[in-house]
Amino acid sequence: MSMTSYGRRLGIVAHALESIAAGSVLPSRMILWVDEPDFDVSAYPMLKRLERRGLEILRCEDLGPHKKYFPYCRDFADHGLSLALADDDVMYPRRWLEGLISAAGQEQIPSYRAHRITTDPTSGGITPYNTWQPAPVDSASHANFVTGVAGMLLPPGFQRVLRDSGTSFLKLAPRADDIWLNALAIRSGFRRRVVDAAGQHLTIYPRSQEQALHNENVTEGRNDTQLAAVFGPADISAVATDVTNTP
């Protein structure tokens, strides 16, 4: 399991980690990636206790939200383990990881939350992000746009795709890891499956949203700018084809 945090949110990330550590299935590794140059774990007693219980706190360069997956894929993709991604501002339910693992497939990326991408036949482009509706539960499609807040599970083959694609996301989608992950999944043939979240209730930690990416990407419309930079004609064609041919 891989997560990142920064700034004032480092003071609350332990709550998200503890919720995963209390799950019905435990990850074989739990990693927190930190790029703060002056980070001192001793200033965070809850993180220190988690570290004594096996949490790995690893340093990395500043890759924005891409820190949650890229350093792991770069360094450990060949280990052959599926990688669960989680956000630092969510309290995860007890069966969260169990549900993702149960839905895992070699060429699918399971997630509890996804939107259905829609295309504009007139312009040949993608409709605005804020107009998309929730994707159908149990569907697996290139038209499904999974989002990180509820978590997702990356199979080893897709981790290698992310590693080999390098860091061009820093230019194209520096603040939108979801856009980059979904685009590369389309190009490499990994459909995103929507896992049934019945009985699994996510709780957003109340003090976390003042620094949330949601404010700039969704509320301020920057998702659409980054979507236009990343999604090319072939990606959009794959989405349109799957809208027609898959549930």
Protein backbone atom coordinates (compact mmCIF):
# COMPACT_ATOMS: atom_id res chain seq x y z
CA MET A 1 0.00 0.00 0.00
CA SER A 2 1.35 3.40 -0.98
CA MET A 3 0.35 6.89 0.15
CA THR A 4 1.85 10.37 0.19
CA SER A 5 1.28 13.47 2.29
CA TYR A 6 2.69 16.95 2.65
CA GLY A 7 2.57 20.16 4.67
CA ARG A 8 0.00 20.39 7.44
CA ARG A 9 -1.63 17.16 6.26
CA LEU A 10 1.33 15.24 7.68
CA GLY A 11 -0.31 15.93 11.03
CA ILE A 12 -3.41 13.89 10.12
CA VAL A 13 -2.14 11.26 7.68
CA ALA A 14 -1.65 8.77 10.52
CA HIS A 15 -5.44 8.52 10.89
CA ALA A 16 -5.78 7.27 7.29
CA LEU A 17 -2.91 4.84 7.81
CA GLU A 18 -4.39 3.55 11.06
CA SER A 19 -7.72 2.88 9.36
CA ILE A 20 -5.96 0.68 6.78
CA ALA A 21 -3.91 -1.03 9.49
CA ALA A 22 -7.20 -1.97 11.19
CA GLY A 23 -8.53 -3.61 8.03
CA SER A 24 -9.69 -7.19 7.53
CA VAL A 25 -6.73 -7.73 5.17
CA LEU A 26 -3.38 -6.07 5.81
CA PRO A 27 -0.94 -4.97 3.09
CA SER A 28 2.44 -6.72 2.98
CA ARG A 29 4.06 -3.28 2.93
CA MET A 30 2.70 0.10 3.99
CA ILE A 31 4.68 3.02 2.56
CA LEU A 32 4.35 6.75 3.15
CA TRP A 33 6.30 8.86 0.64
CA VAL A 34 7.50 12.24 1.90
CA ASP A 35 9.38 14.95 0.01
CA GLU A 36 9.61 17.50 2.85
CA PRO A 37 13.36 18.30 3.21
CA ASP A 38 13.07 19.01 6.94
CA PHE A 39 10.66 16.17 7.77
CA ASP A 40 11.35 14.67 11.20
CA VAL A 41 9.15 11.76 12.16
CA SER A 42 9.78 12.41 15.85
CA ALA A 43 7.54 15.49 15.51
CA TYR A 44 4.61 13.19 14.65
CA PRO A 45 4.03 10.72 17.52
CA MET A 46 1.31 8.75 15.69
CA LEU A 47 3.55 8.25 12.66
CA LYS A 48 6.41 7.24 14.92
CA ARG A 49 4.25 4.56 16.54
CA LEU A 50 3.16 3.33 13.11
CA GLU A 51 6.79 3.21 12.01
CA ARG A 52 7.63 0.97 14.96
CA ARG A 53 4.79 -1.32 13.81
CA GLY A 54 6.16 -1.58 10.26
CA LEU A 55 5.22 1.60 8.39
CA GLU A 56 7.96 2.54 5.91
CA ILE A 57 8.50 6.29 5.60
CA LEU A 58 10.53 6.80 2.42
CA ARG A 59 11.94 10.00 0.99
CA CYS A 60 11.44 11.05 -2.61
CA GLU A 61 11.62 14.07 -4.86
CA ASP A 62 8.69 16.45 -5.15
CA LEU A 63 6.40 14.87 -7.77
CA GLY A 64 3.18 16.39 -6.45
CA PRO A 65 0.32 13.88 -6.19
CA HIS A 66 2.28 11.47 -8.41
CA LYS A 67 4.43 10.68 -5.36
CA LYS A 68 1.84 8.18 -4.21
CA TYR A 69 2.67 5.75 -7.03
CA PHE A 70 5.66 6.74 -9.20
CA PRO A 71 8.54 6.22 -6.72
CA TYR A 72 7.16 2.78 -5.90
CA CYS A 73 6.75 1.84 -9.57
CA ARG A 74 10.22 3.13 -10.39
CA ASP A 75 11.91 1.19 -7.58
CA PHE A 76 9.71 -1.87 -6.96
CA ALA A 77 7.57 -2.65 -10.03
CA ASP A 78 9.56 -5.81 -10.73
CA HIS A 79 8.73 -7.23 -7.29
CA GLY A 80 5.49 -8.52 -8.79
CA LEU A 81 3.10 -7.29 -6.08
CA SER A 82 -0.16 -5.45 -6.69
CA LEU A 83 -0.07 -1.89 -5.40
CA ALA A 84 -2.98 -0.34 -3.48
CA LEU A 85 -3.13 3.46 -3.66
CA ALA A 86 -4.82 5.46 -0.90
CA ASP A 87 -5.30 9.14 -0.09
CA ASP A 88 -4.08 10.79 3.09
CA ASP A 89 -7.37 12.45 4.03
CA VAL A 90 -9.73 9.46 4.14
CA MET A 91 -10.71 7.02 6.88
CA TYR A 92 -10.95 3.69 5.05
CA PRO A 93 -13.52 1.04 6.02
CA ARG A 94 -12.48 -2.32 7.42
CA ARG A 95 -12.98 -4.31 4.21
CA TRP A 96 -11.50 -1.69 1.87
CA LEU A 97 -8.36 -3.59 0.85
CA GLU A 98 -10.15 -6.94 0.91
CA GLY A 99 -12.64 -5.66 -1.65
CA LEU A 100 -9.96 -4.36 -4.01
CA ILE A 101 -8.00 -7.61 -3.86
CA SER A 102 -11.15 -9.67 -4.47
CA ALA A 103 -11.83 -7.70 -7.65
CA ALA A 104 -8.26 -7.80 -8.97
CA GLY A 105 -7.55 -8.90 -12.54
CA GLN A 106 -4.38 -9.06 -14.60
CA GLU A 107 -5.61 -6.50 -17.14
CA GLN A 108 -7.99 -4.55 -14.93
CA ILE A 109 -7.60 -1.82 -12.30
CA PRO A 110 -10.27 -2.10 -9.60
CA SER A 111 -11.47 0.99 -7.77
CA TYR A 112 -14.46 1.90 -5.63
CA ARG A 113 -15.12 5.22 -7.36
CA ALA A 114 -15.22 6.13 -11.03
CA HIS A 115 -16.90 8.51 -13.42
CA ARG A 116 -18.05 7.60 -16.91
CA ILE A 117 -16.15 9.64 -19.50
CA THR A 118 -18.35 10.99 -22.26
CA THR A 119 -17.27 12.29 -25.64
CA ASP A 120 -18.62 15.03 -27.87
CA PRO A 121 -19.25 13.64 -31.37
CA THR A 122 -19.36 17.14 -32.83
CA SER A 123 -15.96 18.30 -31.62
CA GLY A 124 -14.38 14.85 -31.33
CA GLY A 125 -13.21 15.73 -27.85
CA ILE A 126 -14.12 14.92 -24.26
CA THR A 127 -17.00 16.66 -22.53
CA PRO A 128 -16.17 18.76 -19.43
CA TYR A 129 -15.14 16.75 -16.38
CA ASN A 130 -17.88 18.25 -14.21
CA THR A 131 -20.58 16.84 -16.51
CA TRP A 132 -19.57 13.19 -16.12
CA GLN A 133 -21.84 10.84 -14.20
CA PRO A 134 -20.87 7.92 -11.91
CA ALA A 135 -19.76 4.82 -13.79
CA PRO A 136 -21.92 1.70 -13.40
CA VAL A 137 -20.95 -0.64 -10.57
CA ASP A 138 -19.20 -3.84 -11.80
CA SER A 139 -18.47 -2.31 -15.20
CA ALA A 140 -14.99 -2.63 -16.68
CA SER A 141 -14.37 -0.11 -19.43
CA HIS A 142 -11.94 2.32 -21.00
CA ALA A 143 -14.71 4.87 -20.47
CA ASN A 144 -14.41 4.49 -16.69
CA PHE A 145 -12.31 7.22 -15.08
CA VAL A 146 -11.20 6.01 -11.66
CA THR A 147 -10.32 8.54 -8.98
CA GLY A 148 -7.82 8.07 -6.20
CA VAL A 149 -9.84 9.25 -3.21
CA ALA A 150 -11.53 5.86 -2.75
CA GLY A 151 -8.43 3.91 -3.62
CA MET A 152 -7.41 1.62 -6.48
CA LEU A 153 -5.25 -1.45 -7.04
CA LEU A 154 -2.53 -1.41 -9.70
CA PRO A 155 -1.42 -4.81 -11.08
CA PRO A 156 2.32 -5.38 -11.58
CA GLY A 157 2.06 -5.11 -15.37
CA PHE A 158 0.58 -1.63 -15.14
CA GLN A 159 3.20 -0.57 -12.60
CA ARG A 160 5.84 -1.36 -15.22
CA VAL A 161 3.95 0.76 -17.75
CA LEU A 162 4.01 3.69 -15.32
CA ARG A 163 7.70 3.19 -14.62
CA ASP A 164 8.64 3.00 -18.30
CA SER A 165 6.59 6.09 -19.15
CA GLY A 166 8.84 8.23 -16.97
CA THR A 167 8.02 11.64 -15.55
CA SER A 168 6.48 13.46 -18.51
CA PHE A 169 3.41 13.86 -16.28
CA LEU A 170 5.29 16.75 -14.66
CA LYS A 171 4.77 18.75 -17.84
CA LEU A 172 1.38 17.43 -18.96
CA ALA A 173 -0.56 16.80 -15.74
CA PRO A 174 1.55 17.91 -12.77
CA ARG A 175 -1.44 18.17 -10.41
CA ALA A 176 -3.67 15.43 -11.81
CA ASP A 177 -2.36 11.94 -11.13
CA ASP A 178 -5.80 10.44 -11.88
CA ILE A 179 -5.72 11.81 -15.43
CA TRP A 180 -2.27 10.38 -16.09
CA LEU A 181 -3.13 6.96 -14.61
CA ASN A 182 -6.35 6.63 -16.61
CA ALA A 183 -4.74 7.73 -19.88
CA LEU A 184 -1.86 5.26 -19.55
CA ALA A 185 -4.32 2.52 -18.60
CA ILE A 186 -6.22 3.14 -21.84
CA ARG A 187 -3.04 3.05 -23.92
CA SER A 188 -1.81 -0.18 -22.34
CA GLY A 189 -5.13 -2.03 -22.37
CA PHE A 190 -5.96 -1.97 -18.65
CA ARG A 191 -9.68 -1.37 -18.18
CA ARG A 192 -10.89 0.13 -14.92
CA ARG A 193 -13.39 -1.93 -12.93
CA VAL A 194 -15.86 -0.31 -10.54
CA VAL A 195 -16.04 -2.33 -7.32
CA ASP A 196 -19.31 -2.53 -5.41
CA ALA A 197 -18.86 -0.31 -2.33
CA ALA A 198 -22.05 -1.44 -0.56
CA GLY A 199 -21.48 -1.26 3.18
CA GLN A 200 -18.14 0.50 2.77
CA HIS A 201 -18.42 4.13 3.81
CA LEU A 202 -15.50 6.50 3.30
CA THR A 203 -15.07 9.36 5.74
CA ILE A 204 -13.11 12.45 4.69
CA TYR A 205 -11.01 13.73 7.57
CA PRO A 206 -12.56 17.13 8.46
CA ARG A 207 -9.35 19.18 8.74
CA SER A 208 -7.85 18.02 5.46
CA GLN A 209 -9.70 19.90 2.75
CA GLU A 210 -8.01 23.28 3.00
CA GLN A 211 -5.11 21.89 0.95
CA ALA A 212 -7.12 19.48 -1.21
CA LEU A 213 -6.35 19.17 -4.93
CA HIS A 214 -10.11 18.93 -5.49
CA ASN A 215 -10.35 22.69 -4.95
CA GLU A 216 -8.17 23.56 -7.92
CA ASN A 217 -8.74 20.60 -10.25
CA VAL A 218 -12.52 20.29 -10.01
CA THR A 219 -13.87 23.52 -8.56
CA GLU A 220 -11.53 25.72 -10.61
CA GLY A 221 -11.78 23.57 -13.76
CA ARG A 222 -8.12 22.66 -14.13
CA ASN A 223 -8.98 19.03 -14.78
CA ASP A 224 -10.23 20.00 -18.23
CA THR A 225 -6.97 21.76 -19.07
CA GLN A 226 -4.92 18.74 -18.04
CA LEU A 227 -7.29 16.31 -19.78
CA ALA A 228 -6.78 18.22 -23.03
CA ALA A 229 -3.01 18.03 -22.57
CA VAL A 230 -2.93 14.27 -21.91
CA PHE A 231 -5.81 12.62 -23.81
CA GLY A 232 -5.03 12.34 -27.52
CA PRO A 233 -7.27 11.21 -30.44
CA ALA A 234 -6.45 7.52 -29.94
CA ASP A 235 -7.36 7.72 -26.24
CA ILE A 236 -10.65 9.44 -27.01
CA SER A 237 -11.43 6.89 -29.72
CA ALA A 238 -10.86 4.02 -27.27
CA VAL A 239 -13.23 5.70 -24.81
CA ALA A 240 -15.92 6.20 -27.46
CA THR A 241 -15.61 2.59 -28.64
CA ASP A 242 -16.00 1.22 -25.12
CA VAL A 243 -18.99 3.44 -24.40
CA THR A 244 -20.67 1.67 -27.33
CA ASN A 245 -19.41 -1.86 -26.74
CA THR A 246 -19.20 -2.31 -22.94
CA PRO A 247 -21.79 -1.80 -20.18
